[in-house]
PDB file of N, CA and C in Angstrom:
ATOM      1  N   MET A   1      38.641  24.606  -1.886  1.00  0.00           N
ATOM      2  CA  MET A   1      37.339  24.129  -2.316  1.00  0.00           C
ATOM      3  C   MET A   1      37.504  22.736  -2.925  1.00  0.00           C
ATOM      4  N   GLN A   2      36.657  21.826  -2.476  1.00  0.00           N
ATOM      5  CA  GLN A   2      36.737  20.442  -2.939  1.00  0.00           C
ATOM      6  C   GLN A   2      36.178  20.301  -4.350  1.00  0.00           C
ATOM      7  N   LEU A   3      36.591  19.226  -5.015  1.00  0.00           N
ATOM      8  CA  LEU A   3      36.116  18.928  -6.365  1.00  0.00           C
ATOM      9  C   LEU A   3      34.591  18.839  -6.379  1.00  0.00           C
ATOM     10  N   TYR A   4      34.005  18.257  -5.349  1.00  0.00           N
ATOM     11  CA  TYR A   4      32.548  18.123  -5.249  1.00  0.00           C
ATOM     12  C   TYR A   4      31.862  19.473  -5.421  1.00  0.00           C
ATOM     13  N   GLU A   5      32.426  20.508  -4.843  1.00  0.00           N
ATOM     14  CA  GLU A   5      31.849  21.859  -4.905  1.00  0.00           C
ATOM     15  C   GLU A   5      32.219  22.589  -6.194  1.00  0.00           C
ATOM     16  N   ARG A   6      33.371  22.278  -6.759  1.00  0.00           N
ATOM     17  CA  ARG A   6      33.850  22.956  -7.968  1.00  0.00           C
ATOM     18  C   ARG A   6      33.245  22.409  -9.245  1.00  0.00           C
ATOM     19  N   ASP A   7      33.175  21.056  -9.322  1.00  0.00           N
ATOM     20  CA  ASP A   7      32.764  20.411 -10.570  1.00  0.00           C
ATOM     21  C   ASP A   7      32.099  19.083 -10.230  1.00  0.00           C
ATOM     22  N   PHE A   8      30.787  19.126 -10.060  1.00  0.00           N
ATOM     23  CA  PHE A   8      30.046  17.955  -9.606  1.00  0.00           C
ATOM     24  C   PHE A   8      30.220  16.775 -10.561  1.00  0.00           C
ATOM     25  N   TYR A   9      30.137  17.030 -11.858  1.00  0.00           N
ATOM     26  CA  TYR A   9      30.279  15.934 -12.822  1.00  0.00           C
ATOM     27  C   TYR A   9      31.644  15.269 -12.701  1.00  0.00           C
ATOM     28  N   ALA A  10      32.692  16.054 -12.627  1.00  0.00           N
ATOM     29  CA  ALA A  10      34.042  15.494 -12.486  1.00  0.00           C
ATOM     30  C   ALA A  10      34.133  14.685 -11.192  1.00  0.00           C
ATOM     31  N   TRP A  11      33.504  15.186 -10.133  1.00  0.00           N
ATOM     32  CA  TRP A  11      33.500  14.462  -8.862  1.00  0.00           C
ATOM     33  C   TRP A  11      32.827  13.099  -9.017  1.00  0.00           C
ATOM     34  N   THR A  12      31.692  13.044  -9.727  1.00  0.00           N
ATOM     35  CA  THR A  12      30.997  11.764  -9.903  1.00  0.00           C
ATOM     36  C   THR A  12      31.880  10.772 -10.655  1.00  0.00           C
ATOM     37  N   GLN A  13      32.569  11.255 -11.674  1.00  0.00           N
ATOM     38  CA  GLN A  13      33.429  10.376 -12.463  1.00  0.00           C
ATOM     39  C   GLN A  13      34.606   9.876 -11.640  1.00  0.00           C
ATOM     40  N   GLU A  14      35.142  10.752 -10.829  1.00  0.00           N
ATOM     41  CA  GLU A  14      36.256  10.357  -9.960  1.00  0.00           C
ATOM     42  C   GLU A  14      35.803   9.303  -8.944  1.00  0.00           C
ATOM     43  N   GLN A  15      34.649   9.512  -8.344  1.00  0.00           N
ATOM     44  CA  GLN A  15      34.138   8.566  -7.350  1.00  0.00           C
ATOM     45  C   GLN A  15      33.868   7.200  -7.988  1.00  0.00           C
ATOM     46  N   ALA A  16      33.302   7.202  -9.180  1.00  0.00           N
ATOM     47  CA  ALA A  16      33.038   5.940  -9.892  1.00  0.00           C
ATOM     48  C   ALA A  16      34.349   5.220 -10.193  1.00  0.00           C
ATOM     49  N   ALA A  17      35.341   5.949 -10.633  1.00  0.00           N
ATOM     50  CA  ALA A  17      36.641   5.341 -10.931  1.00  0.00           C
ATOM     51  C   ALA A  17      37.279   4.758  -9.668  1.00  0.00           C
ATOM     52  N   LEU A  18      37.186   5.485  -8.560  1.00  0.00           N
ATOM     53  CA  LEU A  18      37.739   4.990  -7.297  1.00  0.00           C
ATOM     54  C   LEU A  18      37.027   3.716  -6.842  1.00  0.00           C
ATOM     55  N   LEU A  19      35.711   3.681  -6.998  1.00  0.00           N
ATOM     56  CA  LEU A  19      34.950   2.483  -6.641  1.00  0.00           C
ATOM     57  C   LEU A  19      35.370   1.292  -7.491  1.00  0.00           C
ATOM     58  N   ARG A  20      35.452   1.527  -8.802  1.00  0.00           N
ATOM     59  CA  ARG A  20      35.836   0.434  -9.713  1.00  0.00           C
ATOM     60  C   ARG A  20      37.242  -0.088  -9.427  1.00  0.00           C
ATOM     61  N   ALA A  21      38.112   0.814  -9.017  1.00  0.00           N
ATOM     62  CA  ALA A  21      39.499   0.423  -8.736  1.00  0.00           C
ATOM     63  C   ALA A  21      39.651  -0.170  -7.338  1.00  0.00           C
ATOM     64  N   GLY A  22      38.571  -0.146  -6.550  1.00  0.00           N
ATOM     65  CA  GLY A  22      38.648  -0.688  -5.195  1.00  0.00           C
ATOM     66  C   GLY A  22      39.419   0.195  -4.234  1.00  0.00           C
ATOM     67  N   ARG A  23      39.570   1.458  -4.573  1.00  0.00           N
ATOM     68  CA  ARG A  23      40.324   2.399  -3.732  1.00  0.00           C
ATOM     69  C   ARG A  23      39.356   3.092  -2.766  1.00  0.00           C
ATOM     70  N   LEU A  24      38.731   2.316  -1.936  1.00  0.00           N
ATOM     71  CA  LEU A  24      37.646   2.775  -1.076  1.00  0.00           C
ATOM     72  C   LEU A  24      38.086   3.823  -0.062  1.00  0.00           C
ATOM     73  N   GLU A  25      39.328   3.738   0.367  1.00  0.00           N
ATOM     74  CA  GLU A  25      39.823   4.692   1.364  1.00  0.00           C
ATOM     75  C   GLU A  25      39.916   6.116   0.804  1.00  0.00           C
ATOM     76  N   GLN A  26      39.902   6.259  -0.513  1.00  0.00           N
ATOM     77  CA  GLN A  26      39.997   7.576  -1.133  1.00  0.00           C
ATOM     78  C   GLN A  26      38.634   8.178  -1.480  1.00  0.00           C
ATOM     79  N   LEU A  27      37.567   7.427  -1.253  1.00  0.00           N
ATOM     80  CA  LEU A  27      36.227   7.919  -1.582  1.00  0.00           C
ATOM     81  C   LEU A  27      35.830   9.088  -0.689  1.00  0.00           C
ATOM     82  N   ASP A  28      35.056   9.972  -1.242  1.00  0.00           N
ATOM     83  CA  ASP A  28      34.455  11.087  -0.507  1.00  0.00           C
ATOM     84  C   ASP A  28      33.146  10.554   0.072  1.00  0.00           C
ATOM     85  N   THR A  29      33.267   9.800   1.163  1.00  0.00           N
ATOM     86  CA  THR A  29      32.122   9.054   1.691  1.00  0.00           C
ATOM     87  C   THR A  29      30.986   9.942   2.184  1.00  0.00           C
ATOM     88  N   VAL A  30      31.303  11.091   2.721  1.00  0.00           N
ATOM     89  CA  VAL A  30      30.253  11.984   3.228  1.00  0.00           C
ATOM     90  C   VAL A  30      29.351  12.434   2.083  1.00  0.00           C
ATOM     91  N   HIS A  31      29.955  12.964   1.035  1.00  0.00           N
ATOM     92  CA  HIS A  31      29.161  13.438  -0.100  1.00  0.00           C
ATOM     93  C   HIS A  31      28.550  12.282  -0.882  1.00  0.00           C
ATOM     94  N   LEU A  32      29.263  11.188  -0.963  1.00  0.00           N
ATOM     95  CA  LEU A  32      28.752  10.016  -1.673  1.00  0.00           C
ATOM     96  C   LEU A  32      27.474   9.500  -1.007  1.00  0.00           C
ATOM     97  N   ALA A  33      27.466   9.429   0.302  1.00  0.00           N
ATOM     98  CA  ALA A  33      26.272   8.990   1.038  1.00  0.00           C
ATOM     99  C   ALA A  33      25.116   9.965   0.810  1.00  0.00           C
ATOM    100  N   GLU A  34      25.410  11.252   0.839  1.00  0.00           N
ATOM    101  CA  GLU A  34      24.366  12.268   0.601  1.00  0.00           C
ATOM    102  C   GLU A  34      23.757  12.113  -0.793  1.00  0.00           C
ATOM    103  N   GLU A  35      24.593  11.869  -1.776  1.00  0.00           N
ATOM    104  CA  GLU A  35      24.106  11.744  -3.150  1.00  0.00           C
ATOM    105  C   GLU A  35      23.290  10.474  -3.346  1.00  0.00           C
ATOM    106  N   ILE A  36      23.684   9.404  -2.710  1.00  0.00           N
ATOM    107  CA  ILE A  36      22.920   8.153  -2.813  1.00  0.00           C
ATOM    108  C   ILE A  36      21.542   8.334  -2.175  1.00  0.00           C
ATOM    109  N   GLU A  37      21.501   8.983  -1.012  1.00  0.00           N
ATOM    110  CA  GLU A  37      20.214   9.264  -0.376  1.00  0.00           C
ATOM    111  C   GLU A  37      19.345  10.158  -1.263  1.00  0.00           C
ATOM    112  N   ALA A  38      19.962  11.128  -1.920  1.00  0.00           N
ATOM    113  CA  ALA A  38      19.227  12.033  -2.809  1.00  0.00           C
ATOM    114  C   ALA A  38      18.624  11.272  -3.984  1.00  0.00           C
ATOM    115  N   LEU A  39      19.340  10.268  -4.479  1.00  0.00           N
ATOM    116  CA  LEU A  39      18.797   9.442  -5.565  1.00  0.00           C
ATOM    117  C   LEU A  39      17.536   8.714  -5.111  1.00  0.00           C
ATOM    118  N   GLY A  40      17.543   8.218  -3.896  1.00  0.00           N
ATOM    119  CA  GLY A  40      16.364   7.557  -3.355  1.00  0.00           C
ATOM    120  C   GLY A  40      15.190   8.515  -3.228  1.00  0.00           C
ATOM    121  N   ARG A  41      15.454   9.719  -2.738  1.00  0.00           N
ATOM    122  CA  ARG A  41      14.385  10.723  -2.632  1.00  0.00           C
ATOM    123  C   ARG A  41      13.840  11.079  -3.998  1.00  0.00           C
ATOM    124  N   GLN A  42      14.703  11.117  -4.983  1.00  0.00           N
ATOM    125  CA  GLN A  42      14.279  11.427  -6.347  1.00  0.00           C
ATOM    126  C   GLN A  42      13.312  10.364  -6.869  1.00  0.00           C
ATOM    127  N   GLU A  43      13.577   9.108  -6.573  1.00  0.00           N
ATOM    128  CA  GLU A  43      12.678   8.023  -6.982  1.00  0.00           C
ATOM    129  C   GLU A  43      11.308   8.193  -6.335  1.00  0.00           C
ATOM    130  N   ARG A  44      11.292   8.563  -5.061  1.00  0.00           N
ATOM    131  CA  ARG A  44      10.021   8.783  -4.361  1.00  0.00           C
ATOM    132  C   ARG A  44       9.266   9.964  -4.972  1.00  0.00           C
ATOM    133  N   ARG A  45       9.977  11.048  -5.279  1.00  0.00           N
ATOM    134  CA  ARG A  45       9.331  12.219  -5.898  1.00  0.00           C
ATOM    135  C   ARG A  45       8.763  11.871  -7.261  1.00  0.00           C
ATOM    136  N   GLU A  46       9.488  11.066  -8.024  1.00  0.00           N
ATOM    137  CA  GLU A  46       8.992  10.674  -9.339  1.00  0.00           C
ATOM    138  C   GLU A  46       7.702   9.867  -9.207  1.00  0.00           C
ATOM    139  N   LEU A  47       7.652   8.976  -8.233  1.00  0.00           N
ATOM    140  CA  LEU A  47       6.439   8.196  -8.000  1.00  0.00           C
ATOM    141  C   LEU A  47       5.268   9.118  -7.659  1.00  0.00           C
ATOM    142  N   VAL A  48       5.484  10.060  -6.753  1.00  0.00           N
ATOM    143  CA  VAL A  48       4.425  11.000  -6.370  1.00  0.00           C
ATOM    144  C   VAL A  48       3.984  11.832  -7.579  1.00  0.00           C
ATOM    145  N   ASN A  49       4.928  12.319  -8.357  1.00  0.00           N
ATOM    146  CA  ASN A  49       4.584  13.149  -9.519  1.00  0.00           C
ATOM    147  C   ASN A  49       3.776  12.367 -10.551  1.00  0.00           C
ATOM    148  N   ARG A  50       4.203  11.158 -10.836  1.00  0.00           N
ATOM    149  CA  ARG A  50       3.474  10.340 -11.824  1.00  0.00           C
ATOM    150  C   ARG A  50       2.088   9.960 -11.308  1.00  0.00           C
ATOM    151  N   LEU A  51       1.996   9.627 -10.027  1.00  0.00           N
ATOM    152  CA  LEU A  51       0.687   9.327  -9.447  1.00  0.00           C
ATOM    153  C   LEU A  51      -0.212  10.563  -9.478  1.00  0.00           C
ATOM    154  N   GLY A  52       0.361  11.733  -9.227  1.00  0.00           N
ATOM    155  CA  GLY A  52      -0.409  12.973  -9.257  1.00  0.00           C
ATOM    156  C   GLY A  52      -0.989  13.246 -10.630  1.00  0.00           C
ATOM    157  N   ILE A  53      -0.181  13.066 -11.648  1.00  0.00           N
ATOM    158  CA  ILE A  53      -0.664  13.256 -13.026  1.00  0.00           C
ATOM    159  C   ILE A  53      -1.752  12.239 -13.336  1.00  0.00           C
ATOM    160  N   LEU A  54      -1.523  10.987 -12.949  1.00  0.00           N
ATOM    161  CA  LEU A  54      -2.515   9.941 -13.188  1.00  0.00           C
ATOM    162  C   LEU A  54      -3.829  10.260 -12.480  1.00  0.00           C
ATOM    163  N   LEU A  55      -3.757  10.582 -11.195  1.00  0.00           N
ATOM    164  CA  LEU A  55      -4.979  10.860 -10.440  1.00  0.00           C
ATOM    165  C   LEU A  55      -5.700  12.097 -10.972  1.00  0.00           C
ATOM    166  N   GLY A  56      -4.952  13.113 -11.355  1.00  0.00           N
ATOM    167  CA  GLY A  56      -5.570  14.307 -11.930  1.00  0.00           C
ATOM    168  C   GLY A  56      -6.345  13.988 -13.196  1.00  0.00           C
ATOM    169  N   HIS A  57      -5.746  13.195 -14.056  1.00  0.00           N
ATOM    170  CA  HIS A  57      -6.418  12.841 -15.305  1.00  0.00           C
ATOM    171  C   HIS A  57      -7.594  11.891 -15.063  1.00  0.00           C
ATOM    172  N   LEU A  58      -7.465  11.010 -14.088  1.00  0.00           N
ATOM    173  CA  LEU A  58      -8.596  10.136 -13.752  1.00  0.00           C
ATOM    174  C   LEU A  58      -9.758  10.950 -13.184  1.00  0.00           C
ATOM    175  N   LEU A  59      -9.457  11.969 -12.385  1.00  0.00           N
ATOM    176  CA  LEU A  59     -10.517  12.843 -11.868  1.00  0.00           C
ATOM    177  C   LEU A  59     -11.195  13.611 -12.996  1.00  0.00           C
ATOM    178  N   LYS A  60     -10.387  14.144 -13.900  1.00  0.00           N
ATOM    179  CA  LYS A  60     -10.977  14.856 -15.047  1.00  0.00           C
ATOM    180  C   LYS A  60     -11.828  13.895 -15.878  1.00  0.00           C
ATOM    181  N   TRP A  61     -11.332  12.688 -16.076  1.00  0.00           N
ATOM    182  CA  TRP A  61     -12.055  11.672 -16.855  1.00  0.00           C
ATOM    183  C   TRP A  61     -13.409  11.373 -16.205  1.00  0.00           C
ATOM    184  N   GLN A  62     -13.402  11.259 -14.885  1.00  0.00           N
ATOM    185  CA  GLN A  62     -14.621  10.926 -14.144  1.00  0.00           C
ATOM    186  C   GLN A  62     -15.629  12.072 -14.149  1.00  0.00           C
ATOM    187  N   PHE A  63     -15.155  13.285 -13.912  1.00  0.00           N
ATOM    188  CA  PHE A  63     -16.069  14.400 -13.671  1.00  0.00           C
ATOM    189  C   PHE A  63     -16.279  15.325 -14.865  1.00  0.00           C
ATOM    190  N   GLN A  64     -15.579  15.082 -15.945  1.00  0.00           N
ATOM    191  CA  GLN A  64     -15.771  15.877 -17.161  1.00  0.00           C
ATOM    192  C   GLN A  64     -15.899  14.943 -18.371  1.00  0.00           C
ATOM    193  N   PRO A  65     -16.878  14.060 -18.353  1.00  0.00           N
ATOM    194  CA  PRO A  65     -16.988  13.074 -19.440  1.00  0.00           C
ATOM    195  C   PRO A  65     -17.166  13.719 -20.820  1.00  0.00           C
ATOM    196  N   GLN A  66     -17.735  14.895 -20.872  1.00  0.00           N
ATOM    197  CA  GLN A  66     -17.936  15.573 -22.149  1.00  0.00           C
ATOM    198  C   GLN A  66     -16.624  16.034 -22.784  1.00  0.00           C
ATOM    199  N   LEU A  67     -15.561  16.095 -21.988  1.00  0.00           N
ATOM    200  CA  LEU A  67     -14.261  16.551 -22.505  1.00  0.00           C
ATOM    201  C   LEU A  67     -13.262  15.408 -22.714  1.00  0.00           C
ATOM    202  N   ARG A  68     -13.696  14.189 -22.485  1.00  0.00           N
ATOM    203  CA  ARG A  68     -12.789  13.052 -22.656  1.00  0.00           C
ATOM    204  C   ARG A  68     -12.241  13.000 -24.073  1.00  0.00           C
ATOM    205  N   GLY A  69     -10.968  12.687 -24.148  1.00  0.00           N
ATOM    206  CA  GLY A  69     -10.354  12.579 -25.463  1.00  0.00           C
ATOM    207  C   GLY A  69      -9.170  11.627 -25.438  1.00  0.00           C
ATOM    208  N   LYS A  70      -8.592  11.459 -26.609  1.00  0.00           N
ATOM    209  CA  LYS A  70      -7.449  10.534 -26.737  1.00  0.00           C
ATOM    210  C   LYS A  70      -6.241  11.006 -25.935  1.00  0.00           C
ATOM    211  N   SER A  71      -6.083  12.305 -25.808  1.00  0.00           N
ATOM    212  CA  SER A  71      -4.947  12.847 -25.066  1.00  0.00           C
ATOM    213  C   SER A  71      -5.010  12.434 -23.598  1.00  0.00           C
ATOM    214  N   TRP A  72      -6.165  12.587 -22.980  1.00  0.00           N
ATOM    215  CA  TRP A  72      -6.319  12.178 -21.582  1.00  0.00           C
ATOM    216  C   TRP A  72      -6.101  10.675 -21.453  1.00  0.00           C
ATOM    217  N   GLN A  73      -6.697   9.936 -22.365  1.00  0.00           N
ATOM    218  CA  GLN A  73      -6.570   8.481 -22.327  1.00  0.00           C
ATOM    219  C   GLN A  73      -5.104   8.069 -22.468  1.00  0.00           C
ATOM    220  N   ALA A  74      -4.397   8.703 -23.367  1.00  0.00           N
ATOM    221  CA  ALA A  74      -2.977   8.386 -23.567  1.00  0.00           C
ATOM    222  C   ALA A  74      -2.163   8.714 -22.322  1.00  0.00           C
ATOM    223  N   THR A  75      -2.472   9.834 -21.678  1.00  0.00           N
ATOM    224  CA  THR A  75      -1.755  10.215 -20.462  1.00  0.00           C
ATOM    225  C   THR A  75      -2.008   9.208 -19.352  1.00  0.00           C
ATOM    226  N   ILE A  76      -3.248   8.777 -19.201  1.00  0.00           N
ATOM    227  CA  ILE A  76      -3.594   7.785 -18.176  1.00  0.00           C
ATOM    228  C   ILE A  76      -2.833   6.485 -18.416  1.00  0.00           C
ATOM    229  N   ILE A  77      -2.820   6.021 -19.645  1.00  0.00           N
ATOM    230  CA  ILE A  77      -2.113   4.778 -19.984  1.00  0.00           C
ATOM    231  C   ILE A  77      -0.618   4.936 -19.742  1.00  0.00           C
ATOM    232  N   GLU A  78      -0.060   6.045 -20.211  1.00  0.00           N
ATOM    233  CA  GLU A  78       1.380   6.269 -20.065  1.00  0.00           C
ATOM    234  C   GLU A  78       1.790   6.322 -18.595  1.00  0.00           C
ATOM    235  N   GLN A  79       1.040   7.049 -17.776  1.00  0.00           N
ATOM    236  CA  GLN A  79       1.410   7.166 -16.362  1.00  0.00           C
ATOM    237  C   GLN A  79       1.282   5.824 -15.646  1.00  0.00           C
ATOM    238  N   ARG A  80       0.261   5.060 -15.969  1.00  0.00           N
ATOM    239  CA  ARG A  80       0.131   3.724 -15.364  1.00  0.00           C
ATOM    240  C   ARG A  80       1.331   2.853 -15.713  1.00  0.00           C
ATOM    241  N   GLN A  81       1.740   2.895 -16.975  1.00  0.00           N
ATOM    242  CA  GLN A  81       2.892   2.093 -17.403  1.00  0.00           C
ATOM    243  C   GLN A  81       4.168   2.550 -16.708  1.00  0.00           C
ATOM    244  N   GLU A  82       4.365   3.861 -16.635  1.00  0.00           N
ATOM    245  CA  GLU A  82       5.577   4.394 -16.006  1.00  0.00           C
ATOM    246  C   GLU A  82       5.618   4.058 -14.515  1.00  0.00           C
ATOM    247  N   ILE A  83       4.473   4.124 -13.858  1.00  0.00           N
ATOM    248  CA  ILE A  83       4.403   3.780 -12.431  1.00  0.00           C
ATOM    249  C   ILE A  83       4.720   2.301 -12.245  1.00  0.00           C
ATOM    250  N   GLN A  84       4.161   1.448 -13.095  1.00  0.00           N
ATOM    251  CA  GLN A  84       4.443   0.013 -13.007  1.00  0.00           C
ATOM    252  C   GLN A  84       5.932  -0.258 -13.201  1.00  0.00           C
ATOM    253  N   GLU A  85       6.552   0.410 -14.167  1.00  0.00           N
ATOM    254  CA  GLU A  85       7.980   0.213 -14.420  1.00  0.00           C
ATOM    255  C   GLU A  85       8.817   0.714 -13.246  1.00  0.00           C
ATOM    256  N   LEU A  86       8.437   1.854 -12.702  1.00  0.00           N
ATOM    257  CA  LEU A  86       9.168   2.429 -11.572  1.00  0.00           C
ATOM    258  C   LEU A  86       9.141   1.477 -10.384  1.00  0.00           C
ATOM    259  N   ILE A  87       7.970   0.902 -10.101  1.00  0.00           N
ATOM    260  CA  ILE A  87       7.848  -0.038  -8.980  1.00  0.00           C
ATOM    261  C   ILE A  87       8.551  -1.362  -9.298  1.00  0.00           C
ATOM    262  N   ALA A  88       8.511  -1.789 -10.553  1.00  0.00           N
ATOM    263  CA  ALA A  88       9.218  -3.018 -10.932  1.00  0.00           C
ATOM    264  C   ALA A  88      10.728  -2.851 -10.749  1.00  0.00           C
ATOM    265  N   GLU A  89      11.244  -1.660 -11.055  1.00  0.00           N
ATOM    266  CA  GLU A  89      12.676  -1.399 -10.927  1.00  0.00           C
ATOM    267  C   GLU A  89      13.089  -1.164  -9.476  1.00  0.00           C
ATOM    268  N   SER A  90      12.161  -0.665  -8.665  1.00  0.00           N
ATOM    269  CA  SER A  90      12.431  -0.388  -7.249  1.00  0.00           C
ATOM    270  C   SER A  90      11.263  -0.896  -6.410  1.00  0.00           C
ATOM    271  N   PRO A  91      11.166  -2.218  -6.217  1.00  0.00           N
ATOM    272  CA  PRO A  91      10.017  -2.799  -5.512  1.00  0.00           C
ATOM    273  C   PRO A  91       9.805  -2.263  -4.100  1.00  0.00           C
ATOM    274  N   SER A  92      10.854  -1.768  -3.471  1.00  0.00           N
ATOM    275  CA  SER A  92      10.701  -1.243  -2.107  1.00  0.00           C
ATOM    276  C   SER A  92       9.839   0.017  -2.071  1.00  0.00           C
ATOM    277  N   LEU A  93       9.583   0.629  -3.234  1.00  0.00           N
ATOM    278  CA  LEU A  93       8.689   1.790  -3.282  1.00  0.00           C
ATOM    279  C   LEU A  93       7.252   1.415  -2.922  1.00  0.00           C
ATOM    280  N   LYS A  94       6.913   0.128  -3.011  1.00  0.00           N
ATOM    281  CA  LYS A  94       5.557  -0.304  -2.638  1.00  0.00           C
ATOM    282  C   LYS A  94       5.238   0.078  -1.201  1.00  0.00           C
ATOM    283  N   ALA A  95       6.226   0.013  -0.334  1.00  0.00           N
ATOM    284  CA  ALA A  95       6.019   0.352   1.076  1.00  0.00           C
ATOM    285  C   ALA A  95       5.677   1.832   1.245  1.00  0.00           C
ATOM    286  N   TYR A  96       6.018   2.651   0.290  1.00  0.00           N
ATOM    287  CA  TYR A  96       5.792   4.098   0.314  1.00  0.00           C
ATOM    288  C   TYR A  96       4.509   4.484  -0.417  1.00  0.00           C
ATOM    289  N   LEU A  97       3.837   3.526  -1.013  1.00  0.00           N
ATOM    290  CA  LEU A  97       2.705   3.807  -1.898  1.00  0.00           C
ATOM    291  C   LEU A  97       1.559   4.552  -1.218  1.00  0.00           C
ATOM    292  N   ALA A  98       1.176   4.176  -0.013  1.00  0.00           N
ATOM    293  CA  ALA A  98       0.061   4.847   0.670  1.00  0.00           C
ATOM    294  C   ALA A  98       0.375   6.324   0.906  1.00  0.00           C
ATOM    295  N   GLU A  99       1.569   6.606   1.396  1.00  0.00           N
ATOM    296  CA  GLU A  99       1.980   7.990   1.621  1.00  0.00           C
ATOM    297  C   GLU A  99       2.073   8.749   0.298  1.00  0.00           C
ATOM    298  N   ALA A 100       2.588   8.084  -0.718  1.00  0.00           N
ATOM    299  CA  ALA A 100       2.713   8.704  -2.029  1.00  0.00           C
ATOM    300  C   ALA A 100       1.341   9.047  -2.601  1.00  0.00           C
ATOM    301  N   MET A 101       0.363   8.171  -2.382  1.00  0.00           N
ATOM    302  CA  MET A 101      -0.990   8.416  -2.886  1.00  0.00           C
ATOM    303  C   MET A 101      -1.606   9.653  -2.233  1.00  0.00           C
ATOM    304  N   GLU A 102      -1.375   9.832  -0.948  1.00  0.00           N
ATOM    305  CA  GLU A 102      -1.890  11.022  -0.263  1.00  0.00           C
ATOM    306  C   GLU A 102      -1.312  12.289  -0.876  1.00  0.00           C
ATOM    307  N   LYS A 103      -0.008  12.312  -1.038  1.00  0.00           N
ATOM    308  CA  LYS A 103       0.653  13.481  -1.623  1.00  0.00           C
ATOM    309  C   LYS A 103       0.209  13.673  -3.069  1.00  0.00           C
ATOM    310  N   ALA A 104       0.109  12.571  -3.792  1.00  0.00           N
ATOM    311  CA  ALA A 104      -0.247  12.623  -5.210  1.00  0.00           C
ATOM    312  C   ALA A 104      -1.682  13.107  -5.407  1.00  0.00           C
ATOM    313  N   TYR A 105      -2.565  12.737  -4.524  1.00  0.00           N
ATOM    314  CA  TYR A 105      -3.956  13.158  -4.653  1.00  0.00           C
ATOM    315  C   TYR A 105      -4.053  14.679  -4.581  1.00  0.00           C
ATOM    316  N   ARG A 106      -3.313  15.279  -3.664  1.00  0.00           N
ATOM    317  CA  ARG A 106      -3.294  16.753  -3.574  1.00  0.00           C
ATOM    318  C   ARG A 106      -2.755  17.356  -4.877  1.00  0.00           C
ATOM    319  N   LYS A 107      -1.710  16.758  -5.420  1.00  0.00           N
ATOM    320  CA  LYS A 107      -1.159  17.239  -6.691  1.00  0.00           C
ATOM    321  C   LYS A 107      -2.168  17.052  -7.822  1.00  0.00           C
ATOM    322  N   GLY A 108      -2.866  15.923  -7.811  1.00  0.00           N
ATOM    323  CA  GLY A 108      -3.885  15.658  -8.824  1.00  0.00           C
ATOM    324  C   GLY A 108      -5.005  16.677  -8.767  1.00  0.00           C
ATOM    325  N   LEU A 109      -5.437  17.014  -7.553  1.00  0.00           N
ATOM    326  CA  LEU A 109      -6.486  18.031  -7.409  1.00  0.00           C
ATOM    327  C   LEU A 109      -6.008  19.383  -7.931  1.00  0.00           C
ATOM    328  N   LEU A 110      -4.787  19.743  -7.645  1.00  0.00           N
ATOM    329  CA  LEU A 110      -4.247  21.009  -8.165  1.00  0.00           C
ATOM    330  C   LEU A 110      -4.209  21.007  -9.681  1.00  0.00           C
ATOM    331  N   LEU A 111      -3.857  19.873 -10.275  1.00  0.00           N
ATOM    332  CA  LEU A 111      -3.844  19.752 -11.729  1.00  0.00           C
ATOM    333  C   LEU A 111      -5.251  19.989 -12.284  1.00  0.00           C
ATOM    334  N   VAL A 112      -6.257  19.395 -11.644  1.00  0.00           N
ATOM    335  CA  VAL A 112      -7.639  19.551 -12.088  1.00  0.00           C
ATOM    336  C   VAL A 112      -8.068  21.007 -11.977  1.00  0.00           C
ATOM    337  N   VAL A 113      -7.770  21.634 -10.858  1.00  0.00           N
ATOM    338  CA  VAL A 113      -8.145  23.034 -10.664  1.00  0.00           C
ATOM    339  C   VAL A 113      -7.476  23.918 -11.711  1.00  0.00           C
ATOM    340  N   ARG A 114      -6.217  23.662 -11.968  1.00  0.00           N
ATOM    341  CA  ARG A 114      -5.459  24.460 -12.939  1.00  0.00           C
ATOM    342  C   ARG A 114      -5.994  24.296 -14.370  1.00  0.00           C
ATOM    343  N   GLU A 115      -6.472  23.093 -14.692  1.00  0.00           N
ATOM    344  CA  GLU A 115      -6.838  22.795 -16.073  1.00  0.00           C
ATOM    345  C   GLU A 115      -8.349  22.780 -16.323  1.00  0.00           C
ATOM    346  N   THR A 116      -9.121  23.102 -15.304  1.00  0.00           N
ATOM    347  CA  THR A 116     -10.571  23.088 -15.466  1.00  0.00           C
ATOM    348  C   THR A 116     -11.072  24.506 -15.692  1.00  0.00           C
ATOM    349  N   PRO A 117     -11.891  24.674 -16.748  1.00  0.00           N
ATOM    350  CA  PRO A 117     -12.396  26.025 -17.033  1.00  0.00           C
ATOM    351  C   PRO A 117     -13.354  26.518 -15.961  1.00  0.00           C
TER     352      PRO A 117
END
């Protein structure tokens, strides 16, 4: 059983050390490539999740004005800021924005349904 399967954290530290030392021939390139791709997918999921929360709260804000409060307002502000930071750190996510909005809208609607009396 490889280190990757036995102890993921130890594997990450070993791979980082090998990269820093320039010992590229010793890298576990198959798993390393998989993990790098997974990091990219994680960034996309975070964008969709944050957009979903934002859209859900904007829908509640629009259609339940009698229930508006500081909590909703704070969530809207926070999610907008986090989305801006996420895109600033990974500008290539802009190309994914339309698809992310579609997925996020469905998540936002589910949030509204779950939280609406």
